[in-house]
C-alpha atoms as a PDB file:
ATOM      1  CA  MET A   1     -29.472 -51.680  99.984  1.00  0.00           C
ATOM      2  CA  ASN A   2     -33.169 -51.494  99.432  1.00  0.00           C
ATOM      3  CA  VAL A   3     -33.222 -47.875 100.699  1.00  0.00           C
ATOM      4  CA  LYS A   4     -30.405 -46.905  98.321  1.00  0.00           C
ATOM      5  CA  LEU A   5     -32.292 -48.424  95.405  1.00  0.00           C
ATOM      6  CA  LYS A   6     -35.433 -46.485  96.299  1.00  0.00           C
ATOM      7  CA  LYS A   7     -33.449 -43.240  96.550  1.00  0.00           C
ATOM      8  CA  SER A   8     -31.715 -43.964  93.272  1.00  0.00           C
ATOM      9  CA  LEU A   9     -35.007 -44.621  91.509  1.00  0.00           C
ATOM     10  CA  LYS A  10     -36.440 -41.415  92.958  1.00  0.00           C
ATOM     11  CA  ILE A  11     -33.448 -39.390  91.755  1.00  0.00           C
ATOM     12  CA  VAL A  12     -33.615 -41.003  88.305  1.00  0.00           C
ATOM     13  CA  SER A  13     -37.338 -40.203  88.023  1.00  0.00           C
ATOM     14  CA  LEU A  14     -36.694 -36.614  89.122  1.00  0.00           C
ATOM     15  CA  LEU A  15     -33.894 -36.290  86.556  1.00  0.00           C
ATOM     16  CA  ALA A  16     -36.181 -37.724  83.837  1.00  0.00           C
ATOM     17  CA  THR A  17     -38.917 -35.248  84.789  1.00  0.00           C
ATOM     18  CA  ALA A  18     -36.423 -32.376  84.738  1.00  0.00           C
ATOM     19  CA  LEU A  19     -35.186 -33.502  81.326  1.00  0.00           C
ATOM     20  CA  VAL A  20     -38.765 -33.574  79.953  1.00  0.00           C
ATOM     21  CA  ILE A  21     -39.451 -30.071  81.370  1.00  0.00           C
ATOM     22  CA  ALA A  22     -36.203 -28.743  79.927  1.00  0.00           C
ATOM     23  CA  THR A  23     -36.971 -30.252  76.523  1.00  0.00           C
ATOM     24  CA  VAL A  24     -40.488 -28.794  76.404  1.00  0.00           C
ATOM     25  CA  SER A  25     -39.236 -25.401  77.582  1.00  0.00           C
ATOM     26  CA  ALA A  26     -36.564 -25.384  74.906  1.00  0.00           C
ATOM     27  CA  ASP A  27     -39.121 -25.075  72.041  1.00  0.00           C
ATOM     28  CA  VAL A  28     -38.242 -22.385  69.568  1.00  0.00           C
ATOM     29  CA  TYR A  29     -40.856 -19.761  68.759  1.00  0.00           C
ATOM     30  CA  ASN A  30     -40.901 -17.519  65.724  1.00  0.00           C
ATOM     31  CA  TYR A  31     -42.865 -14.290  65.885  1.00  0.00           C
ATOM     32  CA  MET A  32     -44.315 -12.047  63.229  1.00  0.00           C
ATOM     33  CA  PHE A  33     -45.748  -8.577  63.775  1.00  0.00           C
ATOM     34  CA  MET A  34     -48.029  -6.301  61.827  1.00  0.00           C
ATOM     35  CA  ASN A  35     -48.076  -2.562  62.226  1.00  0.00           C
ATOM     36  CA  ALA A  36     -51.177  -0.784  60.919  1.00  0.00           C
ATOM     37  CA  SER A  37     -51.836   2.884  60.470  1.00  0.00           C
ATOM     38  CA  ILE A  38     -55.564   3.667  60.677  1.00  0.00           C
ATOM     39  CA  GLY A  39     -57.212   6.930  59.642  1.00  0.00           C
ATOM     40  CA  ILE A  40     -60.617   8.364  58.860  1.00  0.00           C
ATOM     41  CA  GLU A  41     -62.087   8.275  55.375  1.00  0.00           C
ATOM     42  CA  GLY A  42     -64.954  10.203  53.924  1.00  0.00           C
ATOM     43  CA  LEU A  43     -68.037   8.432  52.639  1.00  0.00           C
ATOM     44  CA  ASN A  44     -69.773   9.199  49.362  1.00  0.00           C
ATOM     45  CA  LEU A  45     -73.148   9.074  51.131  1.00  0.00           C
ATOM     46  CA  ALA A  46     -74.500  11.456  53.774  1.00  0.00           C
ATOM     47  CA  TRP A  47     -77.695  11.568  55.838  1.00  0.00           C
ATOM     48  CA  THR A  48     -79.824  14.679  55.442  1.00  0.00           C
ATOM     49  CA  ALA A  49     -83.137  15.730  56.972  1.00  0.00           C
ATOM     50  CA  GLY A  50     -86.415  14.831  55.322  1.00  0.00           C
ATOM     51  CA  ASN A  51     -89.533  17.025  55.244  1.00  0.00           C
ATOM     52  CA  ASP A  52     -91.881  15.002  57.468  1.00  0.00           C
ATOM     53  CA  GLY A  53     -91.031  16.944  60.653  1.00  0.00           C
ATOM     54  CA  LEU A  54     -89.467  13.999  62.460  1.00  0.00           C
ATOM     55  CA  THR A  55     -86.605  14.358  64.924  1.00  0.00           C
ATOM     56  CA  TYR A  56     -83.475  13.698  62.915  1.00  0.00           C
ATOM     57  CA  THR A  57     -80.036  13.224  64.505  1.00  0.00           C
ATOM     58  CA  PRO A  58     -77.082  12.534  62.202  1.00  0.00           C
ATOM     59  CA  GLN A  59     -73.806  11.373  63.758  1.00  0.00           C
ATOM     60  CA  GLY A  60     -71.364  10.633  60.955  1.00  0.00           C
ATOM     61  CA  ALA A  61     -72.302   7.311  59.387  1.00  0.00           C
ATOM     62  CA  THR A  62     -75.241   6.869  61.794  1.00  0.00           C
ATOM     63  CA  CYS A  63     -78.606   8.571  61.623  1.00  0.00           C
ATOM     64  CA  SER A  64     -81.362   8.350  64.215  1.00  0.00           C
ATOM     65  CA  ILE A  65     -84.938   9.371  63.560  1.00  0.00           C
ATOM     66  CA  SER A  66     -87.746   9.413  66.089  1.00  0.00           C
ATOM     67  CA  GLY A  67     -91.402  10.263  65.990  1.00  0.00           C
ATOM     68  CA  LEU A  68     -92.492   7.507  63.595  1.00  0.00           C
ATOM     69  CA  LYS A  69     -95.954   6.270  64.622  1.00  0.00           C
ATOM     70  CA  GLY A  70     -98.852   4.380  63.140  1.00  0.00           C
ATOM     71  CA  PRO A  71    -102.475   3.907  64.195  1.00  0.00           C
ATOM     72  CA  ALA A  72    -103.786   0.588  65.524  1.00  0.00           C
ATOM     73  CA  GLY A  73    -105.550  -1.160  62.660  1.00  0.00           C
ATOM     74  CA  GLY A  74    -104.433   1.434  60.135  1.00  0.00           C
ATOM     75  CA  THR A  75    -101.513   2.540  57.999  1.00  0.00           C
ATOM     76  CA  ARG A  76     -99.324   5.612  58.325  1.00  0.00           C
ATOM     77  CA  THR A  77     -96.877   6.595  55.608  1.00  0.00           C
ATOM     78  CA  TYR A  78     -94.024   9.035  56.100  1.00  0.00           C
ATOM     79  CA  TYR A  79     -93.098  10.052  52.570  1.00  0.00           C
ATOM     80  CA  ASP A  80     -89.901  11.934  53.449  1.00  0.00           C
ATOM     81  CA  ALA A  81     -88.633  10.672  56.820  1.00  0.00           C
ATOM     82  CA  VAL A  82     -84.923  11.101  56.092  1.00  0.00           C
ATOM     83  CA  ARG A  83     -82.770  11.468  53.004  1.00  0.00           C
ATOM     84  CA  LEU A  84     -79.573   9.973  51.665  1.00  0.00           C
ATOM     85  CA  THR A  85     -77.421  12.328  49.606  1.00  0.00           C
ATOM     86  CA  ALA A  86     -74.629  11.179  47.287  1.00  0.00           C
ATOM     87  CA  THR A  87     -71.449  13.264  47.470  1.00  0.00           C
ATOM     88  CA  GLY A  88     -69.794  10.966  44.939  1.00  0.00           C
ATOM     89  CA  ASN A  89     -70.686   7.870  42.948  1.00  0.00           C
ATOM     90  CA  GLU A  90     -71.589   4.926  45.175  1.00  0.00           C
ATOM     91  CA  VAL A  91     -73.051   1.432  44.915  1.00  0.00           C
ATOM     92  CA  PHE A  92     -74.519  -0.002  48.104  1.00  0.00           C
ATOM     93  CA  ASP A  93     -76.980  -2.466  49.631  1.00  0.00           C
ATOM     94  CA  LEU A  94     -79.736  -1.794  52.179  1.00  0.00           C
ATOM     95  CA  GLN A  95     -80.678  -4.465  54.684  1.00  0.00           C
ATOM     96  CA  VAL A  96     -82.615  -4.957  57.908  1.00  0.00           C
ATOM     97  CA  ASN A  97     -80.223  -5.324  60.822  1.00  0.00           C
ATOM     98  CA  SER A  98     -82.801  -5.760  63.607  1.00  0.00           C
ATOM     99  CA  VAL A  99     -86.403  -5.226  64.637  1.00  0.00           C
ATOM    100  CA  THR A 100     -87.074  -5.259  68.370  1.00  0.00           C
ATOM    101  CA  GLY A 101     -89.858  -4.003  70.585  1.00  0.00           C
ATOM    102  CA  SER A 102     -92.233  -4.455  73.445  1.00  0.00           C
ATOM    103  CA  ASP A 103     -94.442  -6.813  71.370  1.00  0.00           C
ATOM    104  CA  THR A 104     -93.443  -7.161  67.731  1.00  0.00           C
ATOM    105  CA  SER A 105     -96.299  -9.629  67.166  1.00  0.00           C
ATOM    106  CA  GLN A 106     -98.580  -6.577  67.050  1.00  0.00           C
ATOM    107  CA  ILE A 107     -96.801  -5.215  63.955  1.00  0.00           C
ATOM    108  CA  GLU A 108     -98.691  -5.985  60.752  1.00  0.00           C
ATOM    109  CA  SER A 109     -95.962  -4.686  58.445  1.00  0.00           C
ATOM    110  CA  ILE A 110     -93.203  -2.127  58.012  1.00  0.00           C
ATOM    111  CA  VAL A 111     -92.004  -1.260  54.524  1.00  0.00           C
ATOM    112  CA  VAL A 112     -89.270   1.202  53.551  1.00  0.00           C
ATOM    113  CA  ARG A 113     -89.059   2.551  50.022  1.00  0.00           C
ATOM    114  CA  LEU A 114     -86.187   4.544  48.531  1.00  0.00           C
ATOM    115  CA  ASN A 115     -87.409   7.269  46.173  1.00  0.00           C
ATOM    116  CA  ASP A 116     -85.382   9.565  43.929  1.00  0.00           C
ATOM    117  CA  THR A 117     -86.401  13.114  44.921  1.00  0.00           C
ATOM    118  CA  VAL A 118     -85.928  14.473  41.380  1.00  0.00           C
ATOM    119  CA  THR A 119     -87.622  11.788  39.267  1.00  0.00           C
ATOM    120  CA  ASN A 120     -89.916  10.544  42.075  1.00  0.00           C
ATOM    121  CA  THR A 121     -89.167   6.953  41.047  1.00  0.00           C
ATOM    122  CA  ILE A 122     -88.879   4.107  43.521  1.00  0.00           C
ATOM    123  CA  LYS A 123     -85.286   2.838  43.558  1.00  0.00           C
ATOM    124  CA  GLY A 124     -85.947  -0.048  45.942  1.00  0.00           C
ATOM    125  CA  THR A 125     -88.469  -1.507  48.403  1.00  0.00           C
ATOM    126  CA  LEU A 126     -87.347  -3.154  51.642  1.00  0.00           C
ATOM    127  CA  SER A 127     -89.725  -5.357  53.622  1.00  0.00           C
ATOM    128  CA  VAL A 128     -88.645  -4.609  57.197  1.00  0.00           C
ATOM    129  CA  TRP A 129     -91.403  -6.652  58.869  1.00  0.00           C
ATOM    130  CA  ALA A 130     -94.073  -8.890  57.335  1.00  0.00           C
ATOM    131  CA  SER A 131     -96.011 -12.031  58.289  1.00  0.00           C
ATOM    132  CA  GLY A 132     -94.720 -11.875  61.865  1.00  0.00           C
ATOM    133  CA  ALA A 133     -91.030 -11.893  60.950  1.00  0.00           C
ATOM    134  CA  GLN A 134     -88.141  -9.567  60.266  1.00  0.00           C
ATOM    135  CA  GLY A 135     -87.359  -9.046  56.600  1.00  0.00           C
ATOM    136  CA  SER A 136     -84.342 -11.009  55.401  1.00  0.00           C
ATOM    137  CA  THR A 137     -84.001  -9.996  51.753  1.00  0.00           C
ATOM    138  CA  PRO A 138     -81.798  -6.932  51.263  1.00  0.00           C
ATOM    139  CA  ILE A 139     -81.955  -4.496  48.391  1.00  0.00           C
ATOM    140  CA  VAL A 140     -78.666  -5.028  46.562  1.00  0.00           C
ATOM    141  CA  GLY A 141     -76.763  -3.050  43.977  1.00  0.00           C
ATOM    142  CA  LEU A 142     -78.341   0.361  44.579  1.00  0.00           C
ATOM    143  CA  SER A 143     -76.411   2.975  42.642  1.00  0.00           C
ATOM    144  CA  MET A 144     -76.306   6.704  43.344  1.00  0.00           C
ATOM    145  CA  THR A 145     -74.309   9.292  41.413  1.00  0.00           C
ATOM    146  CA  ASN A 146     -72.866  12.504  42.759  1.00  0.00           C
ATOM    147  CA  GLY A 147     -75.675  14.915  43.629  1.00  0.00           C
ATOM    148  CA  ASP A 148     -78.480  12.317  43.823  1.00  0.00           C
ATOM    149  CA  ILE A 149     -80.856  12.703  46.751  1.00  0.00           C
ATOM    150  CA  TRP A 150     -83.100   9.815  47.734  1.00  0.00           C
ATOM    151  CA  ARG A 151     -85.794   9.925  50.403  1.00  0.00           C
ATOM    152  CA  PHE A 152     -86.677   7.102  52.762  1.00  0.00           C
ATOM    153  CA  GLU A 153     -90.426   6.480  52.771  1.00  0.00           C
ATOM    154  CA  TRP A 154     -91.702   4.507  55.776  1.00  0.00           C
ATOM    155  CA  GLU A 155     -95.048   2.678  55.676  1.00  0.00           C
ATOM    156  CA  ILE A 156     -96.084   1.472  59.157  1.00  0.00           C
ATOM    157  CA  LYS A 157     -99.051  -0.792  59.819  1.00  0.00           C
ATOM    158  CA  TRP A 158    -100.010  -1.994  63.325  1.00  0.00           C
ATOM    159  CA  LYS A 159    -102.612  -4.715  63.974  1.00  0.00           C
ATOM    160  CA  SER A 160    -106.012  -3.569  65.282  1.00  0.00           C
ATOM    161  CA  THR A 161    -105.237  -5.221  68.649  1.00  0.00           C
ATOM    162  CA  ALA A 162    -102.150  -3.015  69.222  1.00  0.00           C
ATOM    163  CA  THR A 163    -102.412  -0.614  72.171  1.00  0.00           C
ATOM    164  CA  THR A 164     -99.161   0.761  73.623  1.00  0.00           C
ATOM    165  CA  GLU A 165     -96.543  -1.303  71.790  1.00  0.00           C
ATOM    166  CA  THR A 166     -93.344   0.223  70.444  1.00  0.00           C
ATOM    167  CA  ALA A 167     -90.695  -1.008  68.042  1.00  0.00           C
ATOM    168  CA  SER A 168     -87.106  -0.132  67.163  1.00  0.00           C
ATOM    169  CA  VAL A 169     -85.719  -0.769  63.698  1.00  0.00           C
ATOM    170  CA  VAL A 170     -82.066  -0.739  62.647  1.00  0.00           C
ATOM    171  CA  LEU A 171     -81.348  -0.608  58.928  1.00  0.00           C
ATOM    172  CA  LYS A 172     -77.847  -1.010  57.566  1.00  0.00           C
ATOM    173  CA  VAL A 173     -76.363   0.587  54.456  1.00  0.00           C
ATOM    174  CA  VAL A 174     -73.599  -1.736  53.264  1.00  0.00           C
ATOM    175  CA  ILE A 175     -70.969  -0.249  50.954  1.00  0.00           C
ATOM    176  CA  PRO A 176     -68.889  -3.073  49.464  1.00  0.00           C
ATOM    177  CA  PRO A 177     -65.137  -2.491  49.101  1.00  0.00           C
END
């Protein structure tokens, strides 16, 4: 009789386990789906070459420039490194995305100024690197109208102890919706 009781208890526990599994598996799920159609839009801003003789490579919304250099212990200013041309009215912000390099502690400062090419007025000044740190304050609310052309002026200052260091800077133009 003891063996029958053990078998009965085993069967009851198996049935209880099966019932729990069946109950959990019987949950009801509701699903929702979203279908999105994605295309390409034009921007009201376009990169154009400056007049400082730097290597300029535009690729849609991205622009790469190379050849920027500065002397150790001195300052070099590129007055027309690259330009931003408005093909429509646009309001945007300019911010520092990253500053990296072989030894950024050797950078004294990097400043970028936006200048209107017609009026030669400074539209904004961005501190890219100062006091040993990446700039964190963006220029906000910049406004260009159709046909405006602004030049990016780069001021680069290395410490006198710099020798073979290099740096890479990524700036980001943010166009709010």
